[in-house]
C-alpha cells in the first residue's frame, strides 16, 4: 500500500470520527437538549448535557479553563503526530485506530476553539455510580485505543484483515 493510500485510510477515519462527533454535538445543543434536561434512553444510559473545561475526565479544570486554546493546540499537534505515525504503519488496524484517535482529538479540539469547552452528553451509570459524561469523540478515541491494543497482540497478525495483500504484492505485517 502506498504512503498516499495509508494517509487516505487514516485521514478518512479521522475525518469521519470528527464529523460524526461535531454533528452529534450540534444536534444535542440545538435540538435534543433545548431545554437542558436528563433523557433516559435505557436503565443505565442517559443523555445529560455537560461541559468539560479540563482535560480527560475534567482533570486540571482550574488551569485549563483560563487557557482553552492551549489544550486545543496540543490536541491539534497530537492529531497530526498520530496521522504521521499512521502513514508509517503497515497494519490496517493500526492506521484505523490512529485515525480514530486523531479524529476524536480533532473533534474535541474544535469544541475548545469554538466555545472554550468540550460538550459532553452521554451519561453511563450503574445505580448511583456515574461514569464521567462523555461524547462521540471520546468513543472514537476509546475505539482507536482498543484497535491499537488489539493490533499489538501477536495473534492479530493472523486476522484476515491483516493478511490482505497490498498492491505491491507484499502481505501486511
N, C-alpha and C. Protein backbone atom coordinates (compact mmCIF):
# COMPACT_ATOMS: atom_id res chain seq x y z
N UNK A 1 0.86 -1.18 0.00
CA UNK A 1 0.00 0.00 0.00
C UNK A 1 0.90 1.24 0.00
N UNK A 2 0.57 2.19 -0.85
CA UNK A 2 1.40 3.40 -0.95
C UNK A 2 1.19 4.30 0.26
N UNK A 3 2.10 5.22 0.43
CA UNK A 3 2.01 6.17 1.53
C UNK A 3 0.74 7.01 1.41
N UNK A 4 0.37 7.39 0.19
CA UNK A 4 -0.84 8.19 -0.03
C UNK A 4 -2.08 7.40 0.38
N UNK A 5 -2.11 6.11 0.05
CA UNK A 5 -3.25 5.28 0.43
C UNK A 5 -3.33 5.10 1.94
N UNK A 6 -2.18 4.95 2.58
CA UNK A 6 -2.17 4.83 4.04
C UNK A 6 -2.69 6.11 4.69
N UNK A 7 -2.23 7.25 4.17
CA UNK A 7 -2.71 8.53 4.69
C UNK A 7 -4.20 8.67 4.44
N UNK A 8 -4.66 8.31 3.25
CA UNK A 8 -6.09 8.42 2.94
C UNK A 8 -6.93 7.57 3.89
N UNK A 9 -6.45 6.37 4.19
CA UNK A 9 -7.20 5.48 5.09
C UNK A 9 -7.28 6.09 6.50
N UNK A 10 -6.15 6.51 7.04
CA UNK A 10 -6.14 7.08 8.40
C UNK A 10 -6.91 8.40 8.43
N UNK A 11 -6.68 9.25 7.44
CA UNK A 11 -7.36 10.55 7.39
C UNK A 11 -8.86 10.38 7.20
N UNK A 12 -9.26 9.39 6.42
CA UNK A 12 -10.68 9.13 6.23
C UNK A 12 -11.37 8.79 7.55
N UNK A 13 -10.76 7.93 8.35
CA UNK A 13 -11.35 7.59 9.64
C UNK A 13 -11.29 8.78 10.61
N UNK A 14 -10.23 9.58 10.53
CA UNK A 14 -10.14 10.77 11.39
C UNK A 14 -11.25 11.76 11.05
N UNK A 15 -11.45 12.01 9.77
CA UNK A 15 -12.49 12.95 9.34
C UNK A 15 -13.87 12.41 9.71
N UNK A 16 -14.10 11.13 9.48
CA UNK A 16 -15.38 10.52 9.84
C UNK A 16 -15.67 10.68 11.33
N UNK A 17 -14.68 10.38 12.16
CA UNK A 17 -14.87 10.50 13.62
C UNK A 17 -15.15 11.95 14.02
N UNK A 18 -14.38 12.89 13.48
CA UNK A 18 -14.55 14.30 13.85
C UNK A 18 -15.91 14.84 13.37
N UNK A 19 -16.31 14.49 12.16
CA UNK A 19 -17.58 14.98 11.61
C UNK A 19 -18.76 14.40 12.39
N UNK A 20 -18.73 13.09 12.66
CA UNK A 20 -19.83 12.50 13.44
C UNK A 20 -19.90 13.07 14.84
N UNK A 21 -18.74 13.33 15.43
CA UNK A 21 -18.70 13.95 16.77
C UNK A 21 -19.33 15.34 16.74
N UNK A 22 -18.91 16.16 15.79
CA UNK A 22 -19.43 17.53 15.72
C UNK A 22 -20.91 17.54 15.37
N UNK A 23 -21.34 16.65 14.48
CA UNK A 23 -22.76 16.56 14.13
C UNK A 23 -23.60 16.17 15.35
N UNK A 24 -23.14 15.19 16.11
CA UNK A 24 -23.90 14.76 17.30
C UNK A 24 -23.97 15.89 18.33
N UNK A 25 -22.89 16.62 18.52
CA UNK A 25 -22.89 17.74 19.47
C UNK A 25 -23.82 18.85 19.00
N UNK A 26 -23.81 19.12 17.71
CA UNK A 26 -24.70 20.16 17.17
C UNK A 26 -26.16 19.78 17.40
N UNK A 27 -26.50 18.52 17.11
CA UNK A 27 -27.87 18.06 17.32
C UNK A 27 -28.27 18.16 18.79
N UNK A 28 -27.39 17.75 19.68
CA UNK A 28 -27.69 17.80 21.11
C UNK A 28 -27.86 19.24 21.57
N UNK A 29 -26.95 20.12 21.19
CA UNK A 29 -27.01 21.52 21.65
C UNK A 29 -28.19 22.30 21.05
N UNK A 30 -28.56 22.00 19.81
CA UNK A 30 -29.57 22.80 19.13
C UNK A 30 -30.98 22.22 19.13
N UNK A 31 -31.11 20.92 19.42
CA UNK A 31 -32.43 20.31 19.36
C UNK A 31 -32.74 19.44 20.57
N UNK A 32 -31.90 18.46 20.83
CA UNK A 32 -32.20 17.46 21.86
C UNK A 32 -32.24 18.07 23.26
N UNK A 33 -31.30 18.92 23.57
CA UNK A 33 -31.20 19.47 24.93
C UNK A 33 -31.71 20.91 25.02
N UNK A 34 -32.76 21.20 24.29
CA UNK A 34 -33.41 22.51 24.39
C UNK A 34 -34.81 22.26 24.91
N UNK A 35 -35.07 22.49 26.17
CA UNK A 35 -34.18 22.95 27.24
C UNK A 35 -33.33 21.79 27.78
N UNK A 36 -32.21 22.13 28.46
CA UNK A 36 -31.37 21.09 29.05
C UNK A 36 -32.15 20.26 30.08
N UNK A 37 -32.00 18.96 30.00
CA UNK A 37 -32.69 18.04 30.91
C UNK A 37 -32.00 16.68 30.83
N UNK A 38 -32.43 15.75 31.62
CA UNK A 38 -31.93 14.38 31.57
C UNK A 38 -32.95 13.54 30.80
N UNK A 39 -32.46 12.83 29.79
CA UNK A 39 -33.32 11.96 28.98
C UNK A 39 -32.84 10.52 29.18
N UNK A 40 -33.69 9.68 29.78
CA UNK A 40 -33.31 8.28 29.97
C UNK A 40 -33.52 7.52 28.67
N UNK A 41 -32.47 6.86 28.21
CA UNK A 41 -32.54 6.06 26.99
C UNK A 41 -32.84 4.61 27.36
N UNK A 42 -32.03 4.05 28.22
CA UNK A 42 -32.22 2.71 28.79
C UNK A 42 -31.80 2.80 30.26
N UNK A 43 -32.08 1.79 31.08
CA UNK A 43 -31.86 1.92 32.52
C UNK A 43 -30.43 2.26 32.98
N UNK A 44 -29.44 2.22 32.10
CA UNK A 44 -28.08 2.57 32.50
C UNK A 44 -27.46 3.64 31.59
N UNK A 45 -28.28 4.27 30.75
CA UNK A 45 -27.78 5.26 29.80
C UNK A 45 -28.74 6.44 29.70
N UNK A 46 -28.22 7.62 29.99
CA UNK A 46 -28.98 8.87 29.86
C UNK A 46 -28.29 9.79 28.88
N UNK A 47 -29.04 10.74 28.34
CA UNK A 47 -28.46 11.91 27.70
C UNK A 47 -28.53 13.01 28.74
N UNK A 48 -27.38 13.59 29.06
CA UNK A 48 -27.29 14.62 30.09
C UNK A 48 -26.23 15.62 29.62
N UNK A 49 -26.62 16.86 29.42
CA UNK A 49 -25.70 17.87 28.92
C UNK A 49 -24.68 18.25 29.97
N UNK A 50 -23.42 18.28 29.57
CA UNK A 50 -22.33 18.68 30.46
C UNK A 50 -21.24 19.36 29.65
N UNK A 51 -20.41 20.11 30.34
CA UNK A 51 -19.31 20.82 29.68
C UNK A 51 -18.03 20.56 30.45
N UNK A 52 -16.99 20.18 29.72
CA UNK A 52 -15.71 19.83 30.33
C UNK A 52 -14.71 20.95 30.05
N UNK A 53 -14.29 21.63 31.11
CA UNK A 53 -13.31 22.71 30.99
C UNK A 53 -11.89 22.18 31.12
N UNK A 54 -11.74 20.95 31.59
CA UNK A 54 -10.41 20.39 31.82
C UNK A 54 -10.01 19.42 30.72
N UNK A 55 -9.04 18.59 31.06
CA UNK A 55 -8.59 17.54 30.15
C UNK A 55 -9.48 16.32 30.38
N UNK A 56 -9.01 15.15 30.09
CA UNK A 56 -9.80 13.93 30.26
C UNK A 56 -10.38 13.85 31.66
N UNK A 57 -11.68 13.52 31.71
CA UNK A 57 -12.42 13.38 32.98
C UNK A 57 -12.39 14.65 33.83
N UNK A 58 -12.19 15.80 33.20
CA UNK A 58 -12.20 17.07 33.92
C UNK A 58 -10.93 17.40 34.67
N UNK A 59 -9.84 16.67 34.42
CA UNK A 59 -8.58 16.95 35.11
C UNK A 59 -8.07 18.34 34.75
N UNK A 60 -7.44 19.00 35.69
CA UNK A 60 -6.80 20.31 35.51
C UNK A 60 -7.77 21.41 35.09
N UNK A 61 -9.02 21.33 35.54
CA UNK A 61 -10.02 22.32 35.15
C UNK A 61 -9.61 23.74 35.52
N UNK A 62 -9.07 23.91 36.72
CA UNK A 62 -8.72 25.25 37.17
C UNK A 62 -7.68 25.90 36.26
N UNK A 63 -6.71 25.14 35.82
CA UNK A 63 -5.66 25.67 34.96
C UNK A 63 -6.15 25.87 33.54
N UNK A 64 -6.82 24.89 33.00
CA UNK A 64 -7.18 24.91 31.58
C UNK A 64 -8.40 25.75 31.26
N UNK A 65 -9.23 26.04 32.25
CA UNK A 65 -10.41 26.86 31.99
C UNK A 65 -10.03 28.24 31.47
N UNK A 66 -8.92 28.78 31.98
CA UNK A 66 -8.46 30.10 31.56
C UNK A 66 -7.70 30.05 30.24
N UNK A 67 -7.27 28.87 29.80
CA UNK A 67 -6.45 28.74 28.60
C UNK A 67 -7.01 27.65 27.67
N UNK A 68 -8.23 27.77 27.19
CA UNK A 68 -8.80 26.69 26.37
C UNK A 68 -8.04 26.46 25.06
N UNK A 69 -7.46 27.50 24.52
CA UNK A 69 -6.70 27.36 23.28
C UNK A 69 -5.44 26.53 23.44
N UNK A 70 -4.88 26.50 24.65
CA UNK A 70 -3.67 25.73 24.89
C UNK A 70 -3.93 24.24 24.69
N UNK A 71 -4.98 23.74 25.28
CA UNK A 71 -5.31 22.32 25.14
C UNK A 71 -5.75 22.01 23.71
N UNK A 72 -6.47 22.92 23.07
CA UNK A 72 -6.89 22.71 21.69
C UNK A 72 -5.67 22.62 20.77
N UNK A 73 -4.70 23.49 20.97
CA UNK A 73 -3.48 23.46 20.16
C UNK A 73 -2.70 22.17 20.39
N UNK A 74 -2.63 21.73 21.63
CA UNK A 74 -1.95 20.47 21.94
C UNK A 74 -2.63 19.31 21.22
N UNK A 75 -3.96 19.28 21.24
CA UNK A 75 -4.70 18.20 20.59
C UNK A 75 -4.50 18.24 19.07
N UNK A 76 -4.41 19.42 18.51
CA UNK A 76 -4.19 19.55 17.08
C UNK A 76 -2.82 18.99 16.69
N UNK A 77 -1.80 19.35 17.45
CA UNK A 77 -0.45 18.83 17.20
C UNK A 77 -0.42 17.31 17.38
N UNK A 78 -1.07 16.82 18.43
CA UNK A 78 -1.12 15.38 18.68
C UNK A 78 -1.82 14.65 17.53
N UNK A 79 -2.90 15.23 17.01
CA UNK A 79 -3.63 14.60 15.90
C UNK A 79 -2.74 14.47 14.67
N UNK A 80 -1.98 15.52 14.36
CA UNK A 80 -1.08 15.44 13.21
C UNK A 80 0.03 14.42 13.44
N UNK A 81 0.52 14.34 14.68
CA UNK A 81 1.52 13.33 15.01
C UNK A 81 0.98 11.92 14.85
N UNK A 82 -0.26 11.70 15.28
CA UNK A 82 -0.90 10.39 15.13
C UNK A 82 -1.08 10.02 13.66
N UNK A 83 -1.45 11.00 12.85
CA UNK A 83 -1.61 10.73 11.41
C UNK A 83 -0.27 10.43 10.75
N UNK A 84 0.79 11.11 11.19
CA UNK A 84 2.13 10.81 10.66
C UNK A 84 2.54 9.39 11.04
N UNK A 85 2.22 8.98 12.25
CA UNK A 85 2.50 7.61 12.70
C UNK A 85 1.71 6.62 11.85
N UNK A 86 0.46 6.94 11.57
CA UNK A 86 -0.41 6.05 10.79
C UNK A 86 0.15 5.82 9.40
N UNK A 87 0.70 6.87 8.79
CA UNK A 87 1.25 6.75 7.44
C UNK A 87 2.40 5.73 7.43
N UNK A 88 3.13 5.64 8.50
CA UNK A 88 4.26 4.72 8.57
C UNK A 88 3.85 3.30 8.97
N UNK A 89 2.63 3.14 9.42
CA UNK A 89 2.18 1.82 9.90
C UNK A 89 1.80 0.92 8.73
N UNK A 90 2.33 -0.31 8.71
CA UNK A 90 1.95 -1.25 7.65
C UNK A 90 0.64 -1.98 7.92
N UNK A 91 0.08 -1.85 9.12
CA UNK A 91 -1.11 -2.61 9.51
C UNK A 91 -2.36 -1.74 9.45
N UNK A 92 -3.39 -2.27 8.80
CA UNK A 92 -4.65 -1.54 8.66
C UNK A 92 -5.27 -1.23 10.01
N UNK A 93 -5.24 -2.19 10.93
CA UNK A 93 -5.86 -1.95 12.24
C UNK A 93 -5.18 -0.81 12.98
N UNK A 94 -3.87 -0.68 12.85
CA UNK A 94 -3.17 0.44 13.49
C UNK A 94 -3.54 1.75 12.81
N UNK A 95 -3.58 1.77 11.49
CA UNK A 95 -3.93 3.01 10.79
C UNK A 95 -5.33 3.47 11.13
N UNK A 96 -6.27 2.53 11.18
CA UNK A 96 -7.65 2.88 11.53
C UNK A 96 -7.71 3.36 12.98
N UNK A 97 -7.05 2.65 13.88
CA UNK A 97 -7.03 3.06 15.29
C UNK A 97 -6.44 4.45 15.47
N UNK A 98 -5.32 4.70 14.83
CA UNK A 98 -4.69 6.02 14.93
C UNK A 98 -5.57 7.10 14.31
N UNK A 99 -6.24 6.77 13.21
CA UNK A 99 -7.16 7.73 12.59
C UNK A 99 -8.32 8.06 13.51
N UNK A 100 -8.88 7.05 14.18
CA UNK A 100 -9.98 7.30 15.13
C UNK A 100 -9.53 8.16 16.31
N UNK A 101 -8.34 7.88 16.83
CA UNK A 101 -7.83 8.68 17.95
C UNK A 101 -7.62 10.13 17.50
N UNK A 102 -7.02 10.30 16.32
CA UNK A 102 -6.78 11.65 15.79
C UNK A 102 -8.10 12.38 15.56
N UNK A 103 -9.09 11.68 15.00
CA UNK A 103 -10.39 12.30 14.76
C UNK A 103 -11.09 12.72 16.04
N UNK A 104 -11.00 11.88 17.07
CA UNK A 104 -11.57 12.25 18.37
C UNK A 104 -10.89 13.47 18.95
N UNK A 105 -9.56 13.51 18.84
CA UNK A 105 -8.82 14.67 19.33
C UNK A 105 -9.22 15.93 18.56
N UNK A 106 -9.38 15.81 17.26
CA UNK A 106 -9.78 16.97 16.45
C UNK A 106 -11.19 17.43 16.78
N UNK A 107 -12.11 16.48 17.03
CA UNK A 107 -13.47 16.84 17.40
C UNK A 107 -13.52 17.63 18.70
N UNK A 108 -12.79 17.16 19.71
CA UNK A 108 -12.77 17.88 20.98
C UNK A 108 -11.99 19.19 20.88
N UNK A 109 -10.95 19.21 20.05
CA UNK A 109 -10.19 20.46 19.86
C UNK A 109 -11.07 21.53 19.22
N UNK A 110 -11.91 21.11 18.27
CA UNK A 110 -12.80 22.09 17.64
C UNK A 110 -13.76 22.70 18.65
N UNK A 111 -14.26 21.89 19.58
CA UNK A 111 -15.11 22.43 20.65
C UNK A 111 -14.37 23.50 21.44
N UNK A 112 -13.14 23.21 21.79
CA UNK A 112 -12.36 24.17 22.60
C UNK A 112 -12.11 25.46 21.84
N UNK A 113 -11.81 25.37 20.55
CA UNK A 113 -11.59 26.59 19.77
C UNK A 113 -12.89 27.38 19.64
N UNK A 114 -13.98 26.68 19.38
CA UNK A 114 -15.26 27.35 19.11
C UNK A 114 -15.92 27.91 20.37
N UNK A 115 -15.92 27.12 21.46
CA UNK A 115 -16.68 27.55 22.63
C UNK A 115 -15.88 27.55 23.93
N UNK A 116 -14.59 27.18 23.86
CA UNK A 116 -13.74 27.23 25.05
C UNK A 116 -13.95 26.06 26.00
N UNK A 117 -14.77 25.10 25.63
CA UNK A 117 -15.12 23.98 26.49
C UNK A 117 -15.58 22.83 25.60
N UNK A 118 -15.46 21.59 26.09
CA UNK A 118 -15.91 20.43 25.33
C UNK A 118 -17.32 20.06 25.78
N UNK A 119 -18.20 19.86 24.81
CA UNK A 119 -19.58 19.45 25.09
C UNK A 119 -19.63 17.93 25.29
N UNK A 120 -20.20 17.51 26.41
CA UNK A 120 -20.40 16.09 26.71
C UNK A 120 -21.89 15.87 26.92
N UNK A 121 -22.36 14.66 26.58
CA UNK A 121 -23.81 14.43 26.74
C UNK A 121 -24.19 12.97 26.97
N UNK A 122 -23.25 12.06 26.96
CA UNK A 122 -23.56 10.63 27.18
C UNK A 122 -23.24 10.29 28.63
N UNK A 123 -24.24 9.81 29.34
CA UNK A 123 -24.12 9.52 30.77
C UNK A 123 -24.38 8.04 31.02
N UNK A 124 -23.32 7.27 31.24
CA UNK A 124 -23.44 5.85 31.61
C UNK A 124 -23.43 5.75 33.12
N UNK A 125 -24.27 4.90 33.66
CA UNK A 125 -24.31 4.77 35.13
C UNK A 125 -24.78 3.38 35.54
N UNK A 126 -24.50 3.05 36.78
CA UNK A 126 -24.97 1.82 37.39
C UNK A 126 -25.40 2.18 38.80
N UNK A 127 -26.68 2.13 39.05
CA UNK A 127 -27.19 2.55 40.36
C UNK A 127 -26.92 4.04 40.56
N UNK A 128 -26.22 4.36 41.63
CA UNK A 128 -25.88 5.76 41.92
C UNK A 128 -24.52 6.16 41.35
N UNK A 129 -23.78 5.19 40.79
CA UNK A 129 -22.45 5.47 40.26
C UNK A 129 -22.54 5.89 38.80
N UNK A 130 -21.97 7.06 38.47
CA UNK A 130 -21.97 7.59 37.10
C UNK A 130 -20.54 7.70 36.59
N UNK A 131 -20.32 7.17 35.39
CA UNK A 131 -19.06 7.39 34.69
C UNK A 131 -19.04 8.86 34.29
N UNK A 132 -17.87 9.51 34.19
CA UNK A 132 -17.87 10.90 33.72
C UNK A 132 -18.57 11.01 32.36
N UNK A 133 -19.40 12.04 32.21
CA UNK A 133 -20.14 12.24 30.97
C UNK A 133 -19.15 12.40 29.80
N UNK A 134 -19.51 11.82 28.64
CA UNK A 134 -18.58 11.84 27.52
C UNK A 134 -19.34 12.11 26.22
N UNK A 135 -18.64 12.02 25.08
CA UNK A 135 -19.21 12.36 23.78
C UNK A 135 -18.70 11.42 22.69
N UNK A 136 -19.06 11.70 21.45
CA UNK A 136 -18.65 10.86 20.33
C UNK A 136 -17.15 10.84 20.10
N UNK A 137 -16.48 11.96 20.34
CA UNK A 137 -15.03 12.00 20.18
C UNK A 137 -14.36 11.05 21.17
N UNK A 138 -14.89 11.00 22.38
CA UNK A 138 -14.34 10.09 23.39
C UNK A 138 -14.54 8.63 22.99
N UNK A 139 -15.68 8.34 22.36
CA UNK A 139 -15.93 6.98 21.88
C UNK A 139 -14.93 6.63 20.78
N UNK A 140 -14.68 7.55 19.86
CA UNK A 140 -13.72 7.31 18.78
C UNK A 140 -12.32 7.07 19.35
N UNK A 141 -11.93 7.88 20.32
CA UNK A 141 -10.61 7.72 20.94
C UNK A 141 -10.52 6.35 21.62
N UNK A 142 -11.54 5.98 22.37
CA UNK A 142 -11.54 4.69 23.06
C UNK A 142 -11.50 3.53 22.07
N UNK A 143 -12.29 3.62 21.00
CA UNK A 143 -12.28 2.57 19.98
C UNK A 143 -10.91 2.49 19.30
N UNK A 144 -10.30 3.64 19.04
CA UNK A 144 -8.97 3.67 18.43
C UNK A 144 -7.93 3.04 19.33
N UNK A 145 -7.99 3.34 20.61
CA UNK A 145 -7.05 2.73 21.57
C UNK A 145 -7.28 1.23 21.61
N UNK A 146 -8.54 0.80 21.61
CA UNK A 146 -8.85 -0.62 21.59
C UNK A 146 -8.27 -1.31 20.36
N UNK A 147 -8.39 -0.69 19.20
CA UNK A 147 -7.80 -1.25 17.98
C UNK A 147 -6.29 -1.33 18.06
N UNK A 148 -5.67 -0.31 18.64
CA UNK A 148 -4.21 -0.31 18.79
C UNK A 148 -3.78 -1.44 19.73
N UNK A 149 -4.51 -1.64 20.80
CA UNK A 149 -4.18 -2.73 21.72
C UNK A 149 -4.37 -4.08 21.04
N UNK A 150 -5.47 -4.22 20.30
CA UNK A 150 -5.72 -5.46 19.57
C UNK A 150 -4.61 -5.73 18.56
N UNK A 151 -4.19 -4.67 17.85
CA UNK A 151 -3.13 -4.82 16.84
C UNK A 151 -1.81 -5.23 17.47
N UNK A 152 -1.62 -4.91 18.73
CA UNK A 152 -0.37 -5.26 19.42
C UNK A 152 -0.32 -6.73 19.83
N UNK A 153 -1.46 -7.41 19.82
CA UNK A 153 -1.49 -8.83 20.19
C UNK A 153 -0.86 -9.66 19.08
N UNK A 154 -0.03 -10.62 19.44
CA UNK A 154 0.62 -11.44 18.40
C UNK A 154 -0.38 -12.17 17.50
N UNK A 155 -1.50 -12.60 18.03
CA UNK A 155 -2.46 -13.34 17.23
C UNK A 155 -3.22 -12.47 16.24
N UNK A 156 -3.20 -11.14 16.41
CA UNK A 156 -3.94 -10.27 15.49
C UNK A 156 -3.32 -10.26 14.10
N UNK A 157 -2.06 -10.65 13.98
CA UNK A 157 -1.41 -10.68 12.67
C UNK A 157 -2.00 -11.76 11.77
N UNK A 158 -2.68 -12.74 12.36
CA UNK A 158 -3.27 -13.82 11.55
C UNK A 158 -4.71 -13.52 11.16
N UNK A 159 -5.23 -12.38 11.57
CA UNK A 159 -6.60 -12.00 11.22
C UNK A 159 -6.70 -11.77 9.71
N UNK A 160 -7.81 -12.16 9.07
CA UNK A 160 -7.96 -11.97 7.62
C UNK A 160 -7.75 -10.52 7.18
N UNK A 161 -8.16 -9.56 7.98
CA UNK A 161 -7.97 -8.15 7.61
C UNK A 161 -6.49 -7.84 7.51
N UNK A 162 -5.71 -8.38 8.43
CA UNK A 162 -4.28 -8.10 8.44
C UNK A 162 -3.52 -8.93 7.41
N UNK A 163 -4.13 -10.01 6.91
CA UNK A 163 -3.44 -10.86 5.93
C UNK A 163 -3.66 -10.39 4.51
N UNK A 164 -4.44 -9.35 4.32
CA UNK A 164 -4.72 -8.90 2.96
C UNK A 164 -3.42 -8.55 2.24
N UNK A 165 -3.41 -8.75 0.97
CA UNK A 165 -2.22 -8.48 0.18
C UNK A 165 -2.29 -7.05 -0.31
N UNK A 166 -1.20 -6.33 -0.10
CA UNK A 166 -1.13 -4.94 -0.56
C UNK A 166 -0.98 -4.92 -2.08
N UNK A 167 -1.11 -3.75 -2.64
CA UNK A 167 -1.00 -3.62 -4.10
C UNK A 167 0.39 -4.00 -4.59
N UNK A 168 1.39 -3.93 -3.73
CA UNK A 168 2.75 -4.30 -4.14
C UNK A 168 2.93 -5.81 -4.14
N UNK A 169 1.95 -6.57 -3.63
CA UNK A 169 2.07 -8.00 -3.57
C UNK A 169 2.65 -8.49 -2.26
N UNK A 170 3.06 -7.58 -1.41
CA UNK A 170 3.62 -7.94 -0.10
C UNK A 170 2.52 -7.99 0.93
N UNK A 171 2.48 -9.01 1.78
CA UNK A 171 1.45 -9.04 2.83
C UNK A 171 1.73 -7.98 3.89
N UNK A 172 0.65 -7.52 4.55
CA UNK A 172 0.80 -6.57 5.66
C UNK A 172 1.52 -7.26 6.80
N UNK A 173 2.32 -6.56 7.52
CA UNK A 173 3.00 -7.10 8.71
C UNK A 173 2.80 -6.15 9.85
